[in-house]
Amino acid sequence: MTERITTQPDDVERASILGRPAAVICDMDGLLVDSERMERRVWQLVAKELDIELTDERFATFVGHSGDRNDALLRHYFGEDFDVPRFRAMCHRGFRELVESEGVAMRPGAREWLAFVSELRIPLGLATSSGPAAVQERLGDVLHRFAAVATRADVEHGKPHPDLYLEAAKRLGIAPETAVAIEDSPAGTQAALAAGMRVVVIPDLIEPPPDLAPQLAAVFPSLDALREAVAPNWSSAEASSTRSLNGSTSTG
């Protein structure tokens, strides 16, 4: 069973589990930006206003899933007559007000992680359940780091279906199994695994469930810890590739 890695793996682990990938495909909410905690605050405030209970545990069941699936889940929890459009409208208004007053912060280590992968010339992809407007708003000044972006608007099925990760791989021009996916939620993890990718989890609101843990390449407490763990292997692979390229083009 995969254990959470809180220290740098040894050389054997690093080579076998976290070898340099053809591409890195990241989730957005909860991994790169701290939006899920904001969503939870808003949803719980609206729930209180409507005199319904939305615990942290219950909110966690919505994280990472598509809007359609979550609408069905709202009716499951609060009854078939629950006014989902009204709840959604109130949450949307509350979230907009919160964003305008506080902004959406990047998660710790996110900027450094994206810069690190870019500097190693490993193509970056994004696979997010959010729409294009949210991507632009939340990742605006780092969006140029991504060679390919797949949003919920681009696919028929959201997470936990593999569509988003398959679409990101397609836009990157790589085979899915050659990529490493970085996720925070169980739904996103299921999507990336179903796409055939190696998956690294950085938990945010939810720890990886026991049934998924054995399938993961690794679990790290933060993006900084992941970067520190893979840096020696990924950087040495880049150096070897550069030397090889220089040798093949030498006229000496």
C-alpha atoms as a PDB file:
ATOM      1  CA  MET A   1       0.000   0.000   0.000  1.00  0.00           C
ATOM      2  CA  THR A   2       1.335   3.451  -0.909  1.00  0.00           C
ATOM      3  CA  GLU A   3       2.316   5.525   2.106  1.00  0.00           C
ATOM      4  CA  ARG A   4       2.359   9.296   2.188  1.00  0.00           C
ATOM      5  CA  ILE A   5       5.909  10.343   1.347  1.00  0.00           C
ATOM      6  CA  THR A   6       7.107  13.118   3.624  1.00  0.00           C
ATOM      7  CA  THR A   7      10.804  12.743   2.940  1.00  0.00           C
ATOM      8  CA  GLN A   8      12.744  12.412  -0.252  1.00  0.00           C
ATOM      9  CA  PRO A   9      12.507   8.860  -1.696  1.00  0.00           C
ATOM     10  CA  ASP A  10      15.678   6.874  -2.224  1.00  0.00           C
ATOM     11  CA  ASP A  11      17.242   6.566  -5.672  1.00  0.00           C
ATOM     12  CA  VAL A  12      15.461   3.314  -6.515  1.00  0.00           C
ATOM     13  CA  GLU A  13      12.033   4.721  -5.628  1.00  0.00           C
ATOM     14  CA  ARG A  14      12.690   7.942  -7.514  1.00  0.00           C
ATOM     15  CA  ALA A  15      13.760   6.137 -10.669  1.00  0.00           C
ATOM     16  CA  SER A  16      10.897   3.654 -10.664  1.00  0.00           C
ATOM     17  CA  ILE A  17       8.019   5.807  -9.423  1.00  0.00           C
ATOM     18  CA  LEU A  18       8.877   9.350 -10.362  1.00  0.00           C
ATOM     19  CA  GLY A  19      11.069   9.078 -13.422  1.00  0.00           C
ATOM     20  CA  ARG A  20      11.034  12.095 -15.724  1.00  0.00           C
ATOM     21  CA  PRO A  21       7.689  12.092 -17.602  1.00  0.00           C
ATOM     22  CA  ALA A  22       6.857  13.166 -21.143  1.00  0.00           C
ATOM     23  CA  ALA A  23       4.497  15.737 -19.627  1.00  0.00           C
ATOM     24  CA  VAL A  24       3.006  16.858 -16.331  1.00  0.00           C
ATOM     25  CA  ILE A  25      -0.757  17.410 -16.221  1.00  0.00           C
ATOM     26  CA  CYS A  26      -2.140  19.303 -13.232  1.00  0.00           C
ATOM     27  CA  ASP A  27      -5.538  19.810 -11.712  1.00  0.00           C
ATOM     28  CA  MET A  28      -6.360  23.426 -10.771  1.00  0.00           C
ATOM     29  CA  ASP A  29      -8.788  23.879  -7.856  1.00  0.00           C
ATOM     30  CA  GLY A  30      -7.344  22.686  -4.573  1.00  0.00           C
ATOM     31  CA  LEU A  31      -3.971  21.903  -6.130  1.00  0.00           C
ATOM     32  CA  LEU A  32      -2.769  25.134  -7.737  1.00  0.00           C
ATOM     33  CA  VAL A  33      -5.305  27.588  -6.305  1.00  0.00           C
ATOM     34  CA  ASP A  34      -6.957  27.681  -2.885  1.00  0.00           C
ATOM     35  CA  SER A  35     -10.484  27.898  -4.278  1.00  0.00           C
ATOM     36  CA  GLU A  36     -12.035  24.845  -2.650  1.00  0.00           C
ATOM     37  CA  ARG A  37     -11.843  26.287   0.854  1.00  0.00           C
ATOM     38  CA  MET A  38     -13.484  29.445  -0.464  1.00  0.00           C
ATOM     39  CA  GLU A  39     -16.219  27.361  -2.085  1.00  0.00           C
ATOM     40  CA  ARG A  40     -16.787  25.523   1.182  1.00  0.00           C
ATOM     41  CA  ARG A  41     -17.163  28.779   3.106  1.00  0.00           C
ATOM     42  CA  VAL A  42     -19.709  30.072   0.623  1.00  0.00           C
ATOM     43  CA  TRP A  43     -21.691  26.824   0.344  1.00  0.00           C
ATOM     44  CA  GLN A  44     -21.919  26.519   4.110  1.00  0.00           C
ATOM     45  CA  LEU A  45     -23.046  30.142   4.521  1.00  0.00           C
ATOM     46  CA  VAL A  46     -25.748  29.645   1.891  1.00  0.00           C
ATOM     47  CA  ALA A  47     -26.793  26.342   3.474  1.00  0.00           C
ATOM     48  CA  LYS A  48     -27.142  28.076   6.842  1.00  0.00           C
ATOM     49  CA  GLU A  49     -29.245  30.816   5.224  1.00  0.00           C
ATOM     50  CA  LEU A  50     -31.509  28.111   3.756  1.00  0.00           C
ATOM     51  CA  ASP A  51     -31.650  26.302   7.104  1.00  0.00           C
ATOM     52  CA  ILE A  52     -29.975  23.113   5.863  1.00  0.00           C
ATOM     53  CA  GLU A  53     -26.867  21.428   7.209  1.00  0.00           C
ATOM     54  CA  LEU A  54     -23.727  21.124   5.083  1.00  0.00           C
ATOM     55  CA  THR A  55     -20.891  19.702   7.159  1.00  0.00           C
ATOM     56  CA  ASP A  56     -17.247  19.635   6.089  1.00  0.00           C
ATOM     57  CA  GLU A  57     -17.586  15.893   5.544  1.00  0.00           C
ATOM     58  CA  ARG A  58     -20.622  16.285   3.329  1.00  0.00           C
ATOM     59  CA  PHE A  59     -19.020  19.130   1.356  1.00  0.00           C
ATOM     60  CA  ALA A  60     -16.008  16.902   0.693  1.00  0.00           C
ATOM     61  CA  THR A  61     -18.222  14.569  -1.348  1.00  0.00           C
ATOM     62  CA  PHE A  62     -18.731  17.354  -3.910  1.00  0.00           C
ATOM     63  CA  VAL A  63     -15.045  18.159  -4.383  1.00  0.00           C
ATOM     64  CA  GLY A  64     -13.590  17.501  -7.820  1.00  0.00           C
ATOM     65  CA  HIS A  65     -16.830  16.336  -9.437  1.00  0.00           C
ATOM     66  CA  SER A  66     -18.797  17.773 -12.359  1.00  0.00           C
ATOM     67  CA  GLY A  67     -21.655  20.216 -11.898  1.00  0.00           C
ATOM     68  CA  ASP A  68     -24.234  17.714 -13.134  1.00  0.00           C
ATOM     69  CA  ARG A  69     -23.118  15.080 -10.673  1.00  0.00           C
ATOM     70  CA  ASN A  70     -23.116  17.594  -7.825  1.00  0.00           C
ATOM     71  CA  ASP A  71     -26.609  18.806  -8.695  1.00  0.00           C
ATOM     72  CA  ALA A  72     -27.818  15.226  -8.369  1.00  0.00           C
ATOM     73  CA  LEU A  73     -25.966  14.902  -5.075  1.00  0.00           C
ATOM     74  CA  LEU A  74     -27.641  18.056  -3.726  1.00  0.00           C
ATOM     75  CA  ARG A  75     -31.045  16.501  -4.465  1.00  0.00           C
ATOM     76  CA  HIS A  76     -29.934  13.253  -2.877  1.00  0.00           C
ATOM     77  CA  TYR A  77     -28.995  15.031   0.345  1.00  0.00           C
ATOM     78  CA  PHE A  78     -31.792  17.598   0.535  1.00  0.00           C
ATOM     79  CA  GLY A  79     -34.663  16.010  -1.365  1.00  0.00           C
ATOM     80  CA  GLU A  80     -35.914  15.894  -4.938  1.00  0.00           C
ATOM     81  CA  ASP A  81     -37.794  19.156  -4.396  1.00  0.00           C
ATOM     82  CA  PHE A  82     -34.663  21.025  -3.323  1.00  0.00           C
ATOM     83  CA  ASP A  83     -34.265  24.200  -5.395  1.00  0.00           C
ATOM     84  CA  VAL A  84     -30.829  23.491  -6.871  1.00  0.00           C
ATOM     85  CA  PRO A  85     -30.836  26.470  -9.316  1.00  0.00           C
ATOM     86  CA  ARG A  86     -31.556  28.863  -6.438  1.00  0.00           C
ATOM     87  CA  PHE A  87     -28.830  27.308  -4.285  1.00  0.00           C
ATOM     88  CA  ARG A  88     -26.382  27.499  -7.172  1.00  0.00           C
ATOM     89  CA  ALA A  89     -27.256  31.132  -7.907  1.00  0.00           C
ATOM     90  CA  MET A  90     -26.784  32.121  -4.266  1.00  0.00           C
ATOM     91  CA  CYS A  91     -23.440  30.291  -4.108  1.00  0.00           C
ATOM     92  CA  HIS A  92     -22.270  31.877  -7.344  1.00  0.00           C
ATOM     93  CA  ARG A  93     -23.144  35.357  -6.088  1.00  0.00           C
ATOM     94  CA  GLY A  94     -21.464  34.703  -2.741  1.00  0.00           C
ATOM     95  CA  PHE A  95     -18.331  33.330  -4.381  1.00  0.00           C
ATOM     96  CA  ARG A  96     -18.082  36.334  -6.718  1.00  0.00           C
ATOM     97  CA  GLU A  97     -18.330  38.672  -3.734  1.00  0.00           C
ATOM     98  CA  LEU A  98     -15.653  36.736  -1.892  1.00  0.00           C
ATOM     99  CA  VAL A  99     -13.316  36.741  -4.902  1.00  0.00           C
ATOM    100  CA  GLU A 100     -13.794  40.481  -5.359  1.00  0.00           C
ATOM    101  CA  SER A 101     -12.967  41.143  -1.725  1.00  0.00           C
ATOM    102  CA  GLU A 102     -10.185  38.603  -1.178  1.00  0.00           C
ATOM    103  CA  GLY A 103      -9.051  37.249  -4.553  1.00  0.00           C
ATOM    104  CA  VAL A 104      -8.148  33.589  -5.084  1.00  0.00           C
ATOM    105  CA  ALA A 105      -4.776  32.725  -3.601  1.00  0.00           C
ATOM    106  CA  MET A 106      -2.336  30.306  -5.175  1.00  0.00           C
ATOM    107  CA  ARG A 107      -1.637  27.198  -3.128  1.00  0.00           C
ATOM    108  CA  PRO A 108       1.743  27.099  -1.329  1.00  0.00           C
ATOM    109  CA  GLY A 109       4.506  26.085  -3.728  1.00  0.00           C
ATOM    110  CA  ALA A 110       2.306  26.276  -6.843  1.00  0.00           C
ATOM    111  CA  ARG A 111       4.227  29.057  -8.596  1.00  0.00           C
ATOM    112  CA  GLU A 112       7.531  27.397  -7.798  1.00  0.00           C
ATOM    113  CA  TRP A 113       6.263  24.028  -9.053  1.00  0.00           C
ATOM    114  CA  LEU A 114       5.095  25.437 -12.388  1.00  0.00           C
ATOM    115  CA  ALA A 115       8.344  27.362 -12.845  1.00  0.00           C
ATOM    116  CA  PHE A 116      10.396  24.262 -11.996  1.00  0.00           C
ATOM    117  CA  VAL A 117       8.609  22.037 -14.530  1.00  0.00           C
ATOM    118  CA  SER A 118       8.789  24.752 -17.203  1.00  0.00           C
ATOM    119  CA  GLU A 119      12.495  25.330 -16.662  1.00  0.00           C
ATOM    120  CA  LEU A 120      13.104  21.608 -17.191  1.00  0.00           C
ATOM    121  CA  ARG A 121      11.263  21.901 -20.521  1.00  0.00           C
ATOM    122  CA  ILE A 122       8.691  19.317 -19.509  1.00  0.00           C
ATOM    123  CA  PRO A 123       5.382  20.236 -21.193  1.00  0.00           C
ATOM    124  CA  LEU A 124       2.651  21.272 -18.756  1.00  0.00           C
ATOM    125  CA  GLY A 125      -1.021  20.507 -19.202  1.00  0.00           C
ATOM    126  CA  LEU A 126      -4.083  21.505 -17.216  1.00  0.00           C
ATOM    127  CA  ALA A 127      -7.127  19.266 -16.679  1.00  0.00           C
ATOM    128  CA  THR A 128      -9.786  21.102 -14.694  1.00  0.00           C
ATOM    129  CA  SER A 129     -13.459  20.661 -13.890  1.00  0.00           C
ATOM    130  CA  SER A 130     -13.804  24.449 -13.944  1.00  0.00           C
ATOM    131  CA  GLY A 131     -14.699  26.447 -17.031  1.00  0.00           C
ATOM    132  CA  PRO A 132     -12.518  28.699 -19.216  1.00  0.00           C
ATOM    133  CA  ALA A 133     -13.477  31.921 -17.387  1.00  0.00           C
ATOM    134  CA  ALA A 134     -12.462  30.482 -14.018  1.00  0.00           C
ATOM    135  CA  VAL A 135      -9.149  29.268 -15.461  1.00  0.00           C
ATOM    136  CA  GLN A 136      -8.357  32.718 -16.818  1.00  0.00           C
ATOM    137  CA  GLU A 137      -9.330  34.419 -13.572  1.00  0.00           C
ATOM    138  CA  ARG A 138      -7.509  32.058 -11.229  1.00  0.00           C
ATOM    139  CA  LEU A 139      -4.362  31.312 -13.254  1.00  0.00           C
ATOM    140  CA  GLY A 140      -4.063  34.471 -15.340  1.00  0.00           C
ATOM    141  CA  ASP A 141      -0.426  35.376 -14.694  1.00  0.00           C
ATOM    142  CA  VAL A 142       0.841  31.764 -14.786  1.00  0.00           C
ATOM    143  CA  LEU A 143      -1.386  30.495 -17.591  1.00  0.00           C
ATOM    144  CA  HIS A 144       1.432  30.986 -20.099  1.00  0.00           C
ATOM    145  CA  ARG A 145       3.234  28.080 -18.425  1.00  0.00           C
ATOM    146  CA  PHE A 146       0.739  25.590 -19.868  1.00  0.00           C
ATOM    147  CA  ALA A 147       1.198  24.104 -23.329  1.00  0.00           C
ATOM    148  CA  ALA A 148      -2.350  22.665 -23.240  1.00  0.00           C
ATOM    149  CA  VAL A 149      -5.498  23.404 -21.253  1.00  0.00           C
ATOM    150  CA  ALA A 150      -8.584  21.176 -21.035  1.00  0.00           C
ATOM    151  CA  THR A 151     -11.624  22.533 -19.174  1.00  0.00           C
ATOM    152  CA  ARG A 152     -15.065  21.147 -18.435  1.00  0.00           C
ATOM    153  CA  ALA A 153     -16.314  22.963 -21.534  1.00  0.00           C
ATOM    154  CA  ASP A 154     -14.057  20.814 -23.728  1.00  0.00           C
ATOM    155  CA  VAL A 155     -15.351  17.348 -22.851  1.00  0.00           C
ATOM    156  CA  GLU A 156     -18.591  15.430 -22.582  1.00  0.00           C
ATOM    157  CA  HIS A 157     -17.938  13.935 -19.155  1.00  0.00           C
ATOM    158  CA  GLY A 158     -16.215  15.536 -16.187  1.00  0.00           C
ATOM    159  CA  LYS A 159     -14.204  13.848 -13.462  1.00  0.00           C
ATOM    160  CA  PRO A 160     -14.135  11.032 -12.338  1.00  0.00           C
ATOM    161  CA  HIS A 161     -14.385  10.079 -16.028  1.00  0.00           C
ATOM    162  CA  PRO A 162     -11.002  10.194 -17.832  1.00  0.00           C
ATOM    163  CA  ASP A 163     -12.113  12.636 -20.558  1.00  0.00           C
ATOM    164  CA  LEU A 164     -10.323  15.737 -19.226  1.00  0.00           C
ATOM    165  CA  TYR A 165      -6.992  13.969 -18.835  1.00  0.00           C
ATOM    166  CA  LEU A 166      -7.285  12.241 -22.189  1.00  0.00           C
ATOM    167  CA  GLU A 167      -8.092  15.568 -23.848  1.00  0.00           C
ATOM    168  CA  ALA A 168      -5.120  17.273 -22.182  1.00  0.00           C
ATOM    169  CA  ALA A 169      -2.804  14.464 -23.332  1.00  0.00           C
ATOM    170  CA  LYS A 170      -4.221  14.698 -26.844  1.00  0.00           C
ATOM    171  CA  ARG A 171      -3.578  18.441 -26.963  1.00  0.00           C
ATOM    172  CA  LEU A 172      -0.043  17.882 -25.696  1.00  0.00           C
ATOM    173  CA  GLY A 173       0.531  15.262 -28.402  1.00  0.00           C
ATOM    174  CA  ILE A 174       1.597  12.545 -25.962  1.00  0.00           C
ATOM    175  CA  ALA A 175       0.406   9.076 -24.974  1.00  0.00           C
ATOM    176  CA  PRO A 176      -1.473   9.304 -21.646  1.00  0.00           C
ATOM    177  CA  GLU A 177       0.642   6.610 -20.029  1.00  0.00           C
ATOM    178  CA  THR A 178       3.795   8.711 -20.508  1.00  0.00           C
ATOM    179  CA  ALA A 179       2.442  11.567 -18.371  1.00  0.00           C
ATOM    180  CA  VAL A 180       2.337  12.192 -14.648  1.00  0.00           C
ATOM    181  CA  ALA A 181      -0.906  13.653 -13.317  1.00  0.00           C
ATOM    182  CA  ILE A 182      -0.921  15.765 -10.163  1.00  0.00           C
ATOM    183  CA  GLU A 183      -4.207  15.766  -8.253  1.00  0.00           C
ATOM    184  CA  ASP A 184      -5.684  16.621  -4.871  1.00  0.00           C
ATOM    185  CA  SER A 185      -9.146  15.003  -4.933  1.00  0.00           C
ATOM    186  CA  PRO A 186     -10.375  11.409  -5.172  1.00  0.00           C
ATOM    187  CA  ALA A 187     -12.570  12.234  -8.188  1.00  0.00           C
ATOM    188  CA  GLY A 188      -9.648  13.742 -10.067  1.00  0.00           C
ATOM    189  CA  THR A 189      -7.416  10.866  -9.046  1.00  0.00           C
ATOM    190  CA  GLN A 190      -9.922   8.364 -10.425  1.00  0.00           C
ATOM    191  CA  ALA A 191     -10.052  10.330 -13.686  1.00  0.00           C
ATOM    192  CA  ALA A 192      -6.285  10.341 -14.146  1.00  0.00           C
ATOM    193  CA  LEU A 193      -5.954   6.658 -13.247  1.00  0.00           C
ATOM    194  CA  ALA A 194      -8.724   5.802 -15.721  1.00  0.00           C
ATOM    195  CA  ALA A 195      -6.755   7.689 -18.369  1.00  0.00           C
ATOM    196  CA  GLY A 196      -3.793   5.384 -17.707  1.00  0.00           C
ATOM    197  CA  MET A 197      -1.500   7.961 -16.126  1.00  0.00           C
ATOM    198  CA  ARG A 198       0.838   7.747 -13.173  1.00  0.00           C
ATOM    199  CA  VAL A 199      -0.797   9.805 -10.445  1.00  0.00           C
ATOM    200  CA  VAL A 200       0.751  11.813  -7.623  1.00  0.00           C
ATOM    201  CA  VAL A 201      -1.631  13.183  -4.998  1.00  0.00           C
ATOM    202  CA  ILE A 202      -1.159  16.335  -2.926  1.00  0.00           C
ATOM    203  CA  PRO A 203      -4.175  16.149  -0.589  1.00  0.00           C
ATOM    204  CA  ASP A 204      -6.080  19.331   0.181  1.00  0.00           C
ATOM    205  CA  LEU A 205      -9.475  18.806   1.815  1.00  0.00           C
ATOM    206  CA  ILE A 206      -9.550  15.023   1.401  1.00  0.00           C
ATOM    207  CA  GLU A 207      -6.992  12.283   1.982  1.00  0.00           C
ATOM    208  CA  PRO A 208      -6.745   9.548  -0.688  1.00  0.00           C
ATOM    209  CA  PRO A 209      -9.266   6.797   0.175  1.00  0.00           C
ATOM    210  CA  PRO A 210      -7.908   3.307   0.931  1.00  0.00           C
ATOM    211  CA  ASP A 211      -9.169   1.828  -2.340  1.00  0.00           C
ATOM    212  CA  LEU A 212      -7.186   4.362  -4.403  1.00  0.00           C
ATOM    213  CA  ALA A 213      -4.003   4.569  -2.342  1.00  0.00           C
ATOM    214  CA  PRO A 214      -2.386   1.358  -3.703  1.00  0.00           C
ATOM    215  CA  GLN A 215      -2.782   2.632  -7.272  1.00  0.00           C
ATOM    216  CA  LEU A 216      -0.914   5.901  -6.702  1.00  0.00           C
ATOM    217  CA  ALA A 217       2.660   6.592  -7.706  1.00  0.00           C
ATOM    218  CA  ALA A 218       3.123   8.676  -4.561  1.00  0.00           C
ATOM    219  CA  VAL A 219       1.463  10.997  -2.054  1.00  0.00           C
ATOM    220  CA  PHE A 220       3.193  14.166  -0.876  1.00  0.00           C
ATOM    221  CA  PRO A 221       2.160  16.708   1.757  1.00  0.00           C
ATOM    222  CA  SER A 222       2.864  19.672  -0.518  1.00  0.00           C
ATOM    223  CA  LEU A 223       4.000  20.745  -3.980  1.00  0.00           C
ATOM    224  CA  ASP A 224       7.283  21.875  -2.414  1.00  0.00           C
ATOM    225  CA  ALA A 225       7.888  18.354  -1.105  1.00  0.00           C
ATOM    226  CA  LEU A 226       7.112  16.885  -4.528  1.00  0.00           C
ATOM    227  CA  ARG A 227       9.478  19.334  -6.234  1.00  0.00           C
ATOM    228  CA  GLU A 228      12.294  18.535  -3.809  1.00  0.00           C
ATOM    229  CA  ALA A 229      11.797  14.794  -4.298  1.00  0.00           C
ATOM    230  CA  VAL A 230      11.814  14.750  -8.099  1.00  0.00           C
ATOM    231  CA  ALA A 231      14.383  17.508  -8.683  1.00  0.00           C
ATOM    232  CA  PRO A 232      17.507  15.299  -8.649  1.00  0.00           C
ATOM    233  CA  ASN A 233      16.092  12.693 -11.033  1.00  0.00           C
ATOM    234  CA  TRP A 234      14.240  14.989 -13.415  1.00  0.00           C
ATOM    235  CA  SER A 235      17.109  17.476 -13.552  1.00  0.00           C
ATOM    236  CA  SER A 236      19.726  14.787 -14.204  1.00  0.00           C
ATOM    237  CA  ALA A 237      17.562  13.343 -16.967  1.00  0.00           C
ATOM    238  CA  GLU A 238      17.349  16.798 -18.550  1.00  0.00           C
ATOM    239  CA  ALA A 239      21.132  17.193 -18.322  1.00  0.00           C
ATOM    240  CA  SER A 240      21.689  13.760 -19.901  1.00  0.00           C
ATOM    241  CA  SER A 241      19.287  14.617 -22.703  1.00  0.00           C
ATOM    242  CA  THR A 242      21.078  17.904 -23.346  1.00  0.00           C
ATOM    243  CA  ARG A 243      24.499  16.232 -23.421  1.00  0.00           C
ATOM    244  CA  SER A 244      23.167  13.597 -25.809  1.00  0.00           C
ATOM    245  CA  LEU A 245      21.716  16.253 -28.092  1.00  0.00           C
ATOM    246  CA  ASN A 246      24.943  18.251 -28.078  1.00  0.00           C
ATOM    247  CA  GLY A 247      26.950  15.127 -28.852  1.00  0.00           C
ATOM    248  CA  SER A 248      24.747  14.181 -31.775  1.00  0.00           C
ATOM    249  CA  THR A 249      25.042  17.627 -33.363  1.00  0.00           C
ATOM    250  CA  SER A 250      28.768  18.009 -32.816  1.00  0.00           C
ATOM    251  CA  THR A 251      30.883  18.419 -35.961  1.00  0.00           C
ATOM    252  CA  GLY A 252      34.062  17.402 -34.164  1.00  0.00           C
END
